[in-house]
Amino acid sequence: MSNHIILFCTCPDQNTASSIAHTLIGENFAACVNILPGLTSVYRWQDRIETAQEYLLLVKTRRDIYPQVERCIQEAHPYELPEIVAVSVEHALPEYLKWIDSCLSK
């Protein structure tokens, strides 16, 4: 199994998304963060069904630095309970994975 992960995180606005993305890259916690605008989220919160326009972050990083990534996002995120979900990379271009490694904290 690869040590590489893609982390999903929703943000309430462009400024929050951009700020978190730049912090993750600046701290060498992520090699790349894609910001996808125009996301509509429908979810249950405090026994109510909510709908919100959000921005989705796709964070390319490694499992071994997940704790730092999670802490960084939690410190910068305005939500009481931010979405921070990581999934394993099963297959990827080996050169791309090497590039990710070259960008991250050792």
Protein backbone atom coordinates (compact mmCIF):
# COMPACT_ATOMS: atom_id res chain seq x y z
CA MET A 1 0.00 0.00 0.00
CA SER A 2 1.21 3.47 -0.87
CA ASN A 3 2.08 5.98 1.83
CA HIS A 4 0.40 8.65 -0.29
CA ILE A 5 -3.07 10.03 0.40
CA ILE A 6 -5.52 12.53 -1.01
CA LEU A 7 -7.29 14.53 1.64
CA PHE A 8 -10.71 16.13 1.12
CA CYS A 9 -11.67 19.28 2.99
CA THR A 10 -14.62 21.59 2.36
CA CYS A 11 -14.34 25.32 3.04
CA PRO A 12 -17.04 28.00 3.31
CA ASP A 13 -15.42 30.48 0.89
CA GLN A 14 -12.58 31.16 -1.53
CA ASN A 15 -10.48 33.09 1.01
CA THR A 16 -10.53 30.24 3.54
CA ALA A 17 -9.77 27.67 0.85
CA SER A 18 -6.89 29.72 -0.55
CA SER A 19 -5.47 30.49 2.88
CA ILE A 20 -5.46 26.83 3.95
CA ALA A 21 -4.00 25.73 0.59
CA HIS A 22 -1.17 28.27 0.78
CA THR A 23 -0.40 27.36 4.39
CA LEU A 24 -0.22 23.64 3.59
CA ILE A 25 2.10 24.26 0.64
CA GLY A 26 4.18 26.81 2.57
CA GLU A 27 4.70 24.41 5.48
CA ASN A 28 5.64 21.56 3.11
CA PHE A 29 2.64 19.55 4.32
CA ALA A 30 1.23 19.17 0.79
CA ALA A 31 2.73 18.96 -2.68
CA CYS A 32 -0.41 20.26 -4.38
CA VAL A 33 -3.82 21.51 -3.29
CA ASN A 34 -6.61 21.80 -5.84
CA ILE A 35 -9.40 24.22 -5.03
CA LEU A 36 -12.71 23.28 -6.64
CA PRO A 37 -15.36 26.05 -6.47
CA GLY A 38 -19.09 25.73 -6.95
CA LEU A 39 -19.67 22.76 -4.67
CA THR A 40 -23.14 22.37 -3.20
CA SER A 41 -23.18 20.36 0.02
CA VAL A 42 -26.32 18.90 1.55
CA TYR A 43 -25.76 17.52 5.04
CA ARG A 44 -27.30 16.92 8.44
CA TRP A 45 -26.10 19.22 11.23
CA GLN A 46 -27.68 19.44 14.69
CA ASP A 47 -30.79 17.54 13.58
CA ARG A 48 -31.41 19.82 10.59
CA ILE A 49 -30.82 19.30 6.90
CA GLU A 50 -28.53 22.08 5.67
CA THR A 51 -27.44 23.19 2.21
CA ALA A 52 -24.30 25.26 1.67
CA GLN A 53 -22.15 26.50 -1.19
CA GLU A 54 -18.58 25.42 -0.48
CA TYR A 55 -15.11 25.02 -1.95
CA LEU A 56 -13.46 21.60 -1.96
CA LEU A 57 -9.76 21.16 -1.29
CA LEU A 58 -7.99 18.11 -2.74
CA VAL A 59 -4.72 17.84 -0.83
CA LYS A 60 -1.93 15.60 -2.14
CA THR A 61 0.23 14.46 0.76
CA ARG A 62 1.49 11.40 2.66
CA ARG A 63 0.00 9.30 5.43
CA ASP A 64 3.03 9.81 7.71
CA ILE A 65 2.47 13.57 7.91
CA TYR A 66 -1.33 13.38 8.17
CA PRO A 67 -1.30 14.49 11.85
CA GLN A 68 0.46 17.76 10.92
CA VAL A 69 -1.90 18.33 7.98
CA GLU A 70 -4.95 17.72 10.16
CA ARG A 71 -3.70 20.07 12.89
CA CYS A 72 -2.85 22.77 10.34
CA ILE A 73 -6.35 22.62 8.82
CA GLN A 74 -8.10 22.58 12.19
CA GLU A 75 -6.17 25.65 13.37
CA ALA A 76 -7.08 27.63 10.23
CA HIS A 77 -10.62 26.38 9.59
CA PRO A 78 -13.67 28.39 10.74
CA TYR A 79 -16.03 25.38 10.99
CA GLU A 80 -16.72 23.85 14.39
CA LEU A 81 -16.32 20.43 12.75
CA PRO A 82 -14.39 20.66 9.47
CA GLU A 83 -14.51 17.85 6.95
CA ILE A 84 -11.05 16.29 6.93
CA VAL A 85 -11.13 12.91 5.18
CA ALA A 86 -8.12 11.12 3.72
CA VAL A 87 -8.17 8.28 1.21
CA SER A 88 -5.27 6.07 0.17
CA VAL A 89 -3.74 6.34 -3.27
CA GLU A 90 -3.95 2.82 -4.67
CA HIS A 91 -2.24 3.45 -8.00
CA ALA A 92 -0.40 6.43 -9.42
CA LEU A 93 2.34 7.34 -11.83
CA PRO A 94 5.55 6.54 -9.89
CA GLU A 95 7.20 9.77 -11.02
CA TYR A 96 4.23 11.75 -9.68
CA LEU A 97 4.55 10.07 -6.28
CA LYS A 98 8.28 10.86 -6.25
CA TRP A 99 7.46 14.49 -7.00
CA ILE A 100 5.01 14.57 -4.05
CA ASP A 101 7.74 13.15 -1.81
CA SER A 102 10.22 15.76 -2.99
CA CYS A 103 7.84 18.57 -1.96
CA LEU A 104 6.98 17.39 1.54
CA SER A 105 8.55 17.69 4.97
CA LYS A 106 10.98 14.90 5.64
